[in-house]
Amino acid sequence: MEDLLQYIFKSAAILSMFYACFKVFLTKETYFTAKRIYLFLGLLASVLLPLVVITHFIEMDLSSLSRDTNPTHVEVSSIDSPLVMSWERTIMQIYFTGVFLMLLRLIYQMVCVVRLIIRGKRHKQEGYIHVRVAQSVLPFSFSS
């Protein structure tokens, strides 16, 4: 559970860095293919980079350690409490609640688009299907 939480945190951090760079440097650019490739690489990096583990070993001399360091014995008693919720579980519940709400929002937006397509007049032109709707519809995107 802790590993999944670390993976999600690292992935979210990488995605936010890619998104911040995208907003700062690429938002006003018109190179749509390059923007799509950048976004795809950001998505791919956010999936793969958290799986990379970088280890760094430090060698220490035993003579540098103090001679009077003896391990001590510590007794630990556990208290069973059924009402205690761990912070990992709370964060996971918040995360999956957000995922569920965004999924509901996506489904609602898709239903609205399908409803516009069904109600509008369709005609084909140069391999594309154009839909003319009677009412005025504001432009929209799924990312906003």
C-alpha atoms as a PDB file:
ATOM      1  CA  MET A   1       0.000   0.000   0.000  1.00  0.00           C
ATOM      2  CA  GLU A   2       2.829   2.358   0.854  1.00  0.00           C
ATOM      3  CA  ASP A   3       4.596   1.512  -2.419  1.00  0.00           C
ATOM      4  CA  LEU A   4       1.474   2.379  -4.415  1.00  0.00           C
ATOM      5  CA  LEU A   5       1.143   5.658  -2.568  1.00  0.00           C
ATOM      6  CA  GLN A   6       4.789   6.529  -3.284  1.00  0.00           C
ATOM      7  CA  TYR A   7       4.315   5.619  -6.953  1.00  0.00           C
ATOM      8  CA  ILE A   8       1.218   7.831  -7.220  1.00  0.00           C
ATOM      9  CA  PHE A   9       2.994  10.718  -5.493  1.00  0.00           C
ATOM     10  CA  LYS A  10       6.056  10.471  -7.764  1.00  0.00           C
ATOM     11  CA  SER A  11       3.871  10.161 -10.849  1.00  0.00           C
ATOM     12  CA  ALA A  12       1.808  13.191  -9.849  1.00  0.00           C
ATOM     13  CA  ALA A  13       4.974  15.207  -9.216  1.00  0.00           C
ATOM     14  CA  ILE A  14       6.369  14.343 -12.644  1.00  0.00           C
ATOM     15  CA  LEU A  15       3.052  15.141 -14.337  1.00  0.00           C
ATOM     16  CA  SER A  16       2.824  18.486 -12.558  1.00  0.00           C
ATOM     17  CA  MET A  17       6.361  19.410 -13.648  1.00  0.00           C
ATOM     18  CA  PHE A  18       5.586  18.511 -17.261  1.00  0.00           C
ATOM     19  CA  TYR A  19       2.303  20.433 -17.084  1.00  0.00           C
ATOM     20  CA  ALA A  20       3.975  23.512 -15.588  1.00  0.00           C
ATOM     21  CA  CYS A  21       6.595  23.520 -18.372  1.00  0.00           C
ATOM     22  CA  PHE A  22       3.838  23.015 -20.938  1.00  0.00           C
ATOM     23  CA  LYS A  23       1.838  25.968 -19.604  1.00  0.00           C
ATOM     24  CA  VAL A  24       4.866  28.247 -19.394  1.00  0.00           C
ATOM     25  CA  PHE A  25       6.563  27.404 -22.681  1.00  0.00           C
ATOM     26  CA  LEU A  26       4.153  25.679 -25.076  1.00  0.00           C
ATOM     27  CA  THR A  27       0.638  27.013 -24.483  1.00  0.00           C
ATOM     28  CA  LYS A  28       0.798  29.758 -27.105  1.00  0.00           C
ATOM     29  CA  GLU A  29       2.745  27.730 -29.666  1.00  0.00           C
ATOM     30  CA  THR A  30       1.015  26.485 -32.803  1.00  0.00           C
ATOM     31  CA  TYR A  31       3.103  23.353 -33.330  1.00  0.00           C
ATOM     32  CA  PHE A  32       0.290  20.969 -32.509  1.00  0.00           C
ATOM     33  CA  THR A  33       2.191  17.815 -33.415  1.00  0.00           C
ATOM     34  CA  ALA A  34       5.121  18.813 -31.212  1.00  0.00           C
ATOM     35  CA  LYS A  35       2.740  19.658 -28.378  1.00  0.00           C
ATOM     36  CA  ARG A  36       1.059  16.262 -28.676  1.00  0.00           C
ATOM     37  CA  ILE A  37       4.417  14.482 -28.675  1.00  0.00           C
ATOM     38  CA  TYR A  38       5.503  16.475 -25.593  1.00  0.00           C
ATOM     39  CA  LEU A  39       2.293  15.607 -23.750  1.00  0.00           C
ATOM     40  CA  PHE A  40       2.585  11.946 -24.722  1.00  0.00           C
ATOM     41  CA  LEU A  41       6.209  11.824 -23.539  1.00  0.00           C
ATOM     42  CA  GLY A  42       5.162  13.486 -20.280  1.00  0.00           C
ATOM     43  CA  LEU A  43       2.505  10.856 -19.756  1.00  0.00           C
ATOM     44  CA  LEU A  44       4.953   8.088 -20.580  1.00  0.00           C
ATOM     45  CA  ALA A  45       7.571   9.568 -18.228  1.00  0.00           C
ATOM     46  CA  SER A  46       5.048   9.830 -15.402  1.00  0.00           C
ATOM     47  CA  VAL A  47       4.287   6.130 -15.781  1.00  0.00           C
ATOM     48  CA  LEU A  48       7.860   4.852 -16.183  1.00  0.00           C
ATOM     49  CA  LEU A  49      10.116   7.184 -14.159  1.00  0.00           C
ATOM     50  CA  PRO A  50       8.596   6.368 -10.740  1.00  0.00           C
ATOM     51  CA  LEU A  51       9.568   2.749 -11.363  1.00  0.00           C
ATOM     52  CA  VAL A  52      13.271   3.665 -11.684  1.00  0.00           C
ATOM     53  CA  VAL A  53      15.176   3.186  -8.429  1.00  0.00           C
ATOM     54  CA  ILE A  54      18.459   5.037  -7.992  1.00  0.00           C
ATOM     55  CA  THR A  55      20.675   3.660  -5.258  1.00  0.00           C
ATOM     56  CA  HIS A  56      23.660   5.422  -3.777  1.00  0.00           C
ATOM     57  CA  PHE A  57      26.047   3.583  -1.448  1.00  0.00           C
ATOM     58  CA  ILE A  58      28.253   5.336   1.066  1.00  0.00           C
ATOM     59  CA  GLU A  59      31.173   3.427   2.535  1.00  0.00           C
ATOM     60  CA  MET A  60      32.085   4.207   6.111  1.00  0.00           C
ATOM     61  CA  ASP A  61      35.069   3.120   8.186  1.00  0.00           C
ATOM     62  CA  LEU A  62      34.255   1.109  11.245  1.00  0.00           C
ATOM     63  CA  SER A  63      36.916   3.029  13.128  1.00  0.00           C
ATOM     64  CA  SER A  64      34.894   6.221  12.731  1.00  0.00           C
ATOM     65  CA  LEU A  65      32.021   4.739  14.708  1.00  0.00           C
ATOM     66  CA  SER A  66      32.019   5.153  18.445  1.00  0.00           C
ATOM     67  CA  ARG A  67      33.108   2.074  20.409  1.00  0.00           C
ATOM     68  CA  ASP A  68      30.559   2.525  23.160  1.00  0.00           C
ATOM     69  CA  THR A  69      27.483   2.292  20.947  1.00  0.00           C
ATOM     70  CA  ASN A  70      25.699  -0.798  22.071  1.00  0.00           C
ATOM     71  CA  PRO A  71      22.285  -1.730  20.820  1.00  0.00           C
ATOM     72  CA  THR A  72      19.663  -1.230  23.459  1.00  0.00           C
ATOM     73  CA  HIS A  73      16.592  -3.313  24.008  1.00  0.00           C
ATOM     74  CA  VAL A  74      13.308  -1.448  23.756  1.00  0.00           C
ATOM     75  CA  GLU A  75       9.984  -3.021  24.525  1.00  0.00           C
ATOM     76  CA  VAL A  76       7.072  -1.968  22.386  1.00  0.00           C
ATOM     77  CA  SER A  77       3.528  -2.708  23.323  1.00  0.00           C
ATOM     78  CA  SER A  78       0.767  -2.571  20.787  1.00  0.00           C
ATOM     79  CA  ILE A  79      -2.680  -1.210  21.471  1.00  0.00           C
ATOM     80  CA  ASP A  80      -5.467  -2.543  19.313  1.00  0.00           C
ATOM     81  CA  SER A  81      -7.888   0.180  18.369  1.00  0.00           C
ATOM     82  CA  PRO A  82     -10.470  -0.567  15.679  1.00  0.00           C
ATOM     83  CA  LEU A  83     -11.308   3.117  15.074  1.00  0.00           C
ATOM     84  CA  VAL A  84      -7.803   4.209  14.107  1.00  0.00           C
ATOM     85  CA  MET A  85      -7.493   5.079  10.415  1.00  0.00           C
ATOM     86  CA  SER A  86      -4.069   5.259   8.853  1.00  0.00           C
ATOM     87  CA  TRP A  87      -3.126   8.309   6.872  1.00  0.00           C
ATOM     88  CA  GLU A  88      -2.229   6.128   3.868  1.00  0.00           C
ATOM     89  CA  ARG A  89      -5.764   4.792   3.716  1.00  0.00           C
ATOM     90  CA  THR A  90      -7.218   8.287   4.073  1.00  0.00           C
ATOM     91  CA  ILE A  91      -5.060   9.630   1.235  1.00  0.00           C
ATOM     92  CA  MET A  92      -5.953   6.661  -0.964  1.00  0.00           C
ATOM     93  CA  GLN A  93      -9.659   7.225  -0.292  1.00  0.00           C
ATOM     94  CA  ILE A  94      -9.334  10.902  -1.212  1.00  0.00           C
ATOM     95  CA  TYR A  95      -7.403   9.987  -4.362  1.00  0.00           C
ATOM     96  CA  PHE A  96      -9.895   7.376  -5.541  1.00  0.00           C
ATOM     97  CA  THR A  97     -12.806   9.698  -4.722  1.00  0.00           C
ATOM     98  CA  GLY A  98     -11.210  12.278  -7.029  1.00  0.00           C
ATOM     99  CA  VAL A  99     -10.686   9.656  -9.733  1.00  0.00           C
ATOM    100  CA  PHE A 100     -14.327   8.598  -9.424  1.00  0.00           C
ATOM    101  CA  LEU A 101     -15.599  12.192  -9.631  1.00  0.00           C
ATOM    102  CA  MET A 102     -13.445  12.937 -12.690  1.00  0.00           C
ATOM    103  CA  LEU A 103     -14.704   9.738 -14.319  1.00  0.00           C
ATOM    104  CA  LEU A 104     -18.292  10.843 -13.703  1.00  0.00           C
ATOM    105  CA  ARG A 105     -17.481  14.264 -15.192  1.00  0.00           C
ATOM    106  CA  LEU A 106     -15.952  12.626 -18.283  1.00  0.00           C
ATOM    107  CA  ILE A 107     -18.993  10.388 -18.736  1.00  0.00           C
ATOM    108  CA  TYR A 108     -21.311  13.411 -18.434  1.00  0.00           C
ATOM    109  CA  GLN A 109     -19.292  15.339 -21.038  1.00  0.00           C
ATOM    110  CA  MET A 110     -19.320  12.372 -23.405  1.00  0.00           C
ATOM    111  CA  VAL A 111     -23.100  12.048 -23.036  1.00  0.00           C
ATOM    112  CA  CYS A 112     -23.479  15.756 -23.877  1.00  0.00           C
ATOM    113  CA  VAL A 113     -21.316  15.387 -26.999  1.00  0.00           C
ATOM    114  CA  VAL A 114     -23.198  12.289 -28.148  1.00  0.00           C
ATOM    115  CA  ARG A 115     -26.500  14.113 -27.554  1.00  0.00           C
ATOM    116  CA  LEU A 116     -25.282  17.029 -29.729  1.00  0.00           C
ATOM    117  CA  ILE A 117     -24.262  14.622 -32.489  1.00  0.00           C
ATOM    118  CA  ILE A 118     -27.570  12.758 -32.411  1.00  0.00           C
ATOM    119  CA  ARG A 119     -29.730  15.897 -32.415  1.00  0.00           C
ATOM    120  CA  GLY A 120     -27.737  17.760 -35.090  1.00  0.00           C
ATOM    121  CA  LYS A 121     -27.791  17.502 -38.856  1.00  0.00           C
ATOM    122  CA  ARG A 122     -24.832  15.516 -40.148  1.00  0.00           C
ATOM    123  CA  HIS A 123     -23.155  15.880 -43.525  1.00  0.00           C
ATOM    124  CA  LYS A 124     -19.932  14.404 -44.856  1.00  0.00           C
ATOM    125  CA  GLN A 125     -17.275  16.579 -46.444  1.00  0.00           C
ATOM    126  CA  GLU A 126     -13.779  15.480 -47.512  1.00  0.00           C
ATOM    127  CA  GLY A 127     -13.793  12.430 -45.243  1.00  0.00           C
ATOM    128  CA  TYR A 128     -15.010  14.331 -42.179  1.00  0.00           C
ATOM    129  CA  ILE A 129     -18.476  14.289 -40.684  1.00  0.00           C
ATOM    130  CA  HIS A 130     -19.708  17.776 -39.783  1.00  0.00           C
ATOM    131  CA  VAL A 131     -22.596  18.206 -37.373  1.00  0.00           C
ATOM    132  CA  ARG A 132     -24.721  21.343 -37.545  1.00  0.00           C
ATOM    133  CA  VAL A 133     -26.642  22.089 -34.350  1.00  0.00           C
ATOM    134  CA  ALA A 134     -29.603  24.430 -34.010  1.00  0.00           C
ATOM    135  CA  GLN A 135     -28.625  26.083 -30.735  1.00  0.00           C
ATOM    136  CA  SER A 136     -25.524  28.126 -30.045  1.00  0.00           C
ATOM    137  CA  VAL A 137     -22.942  25.946 -28.293  1.00  0.00           C
ATOM    138  CA  LEU A 138     -19.823  27.321 -26.671  1.00  0.00           C
ATOM    139  CA  PRO A 139     -16.567  25.665 -27.675  1.00  0.00           C
ATOM    140  CA  PHE A 140     -15.322  23.202 -25.100  1.00  0.00           C
ATOM    141  CA  SER A 141     -12.578  20.725 -24.416  1.00  0.00           C
ATOM    142  CA  PHE A 142     -12.253  17.768 -22.107  1.00  0.00           C
ATOM    143  CA  SER A 143      -9.210  19.181 -20.333  1.00  0.00           C
ATOM    144  CA  SER A 144     -10.747  22.390 -19.007  1.00  0.00           C
END
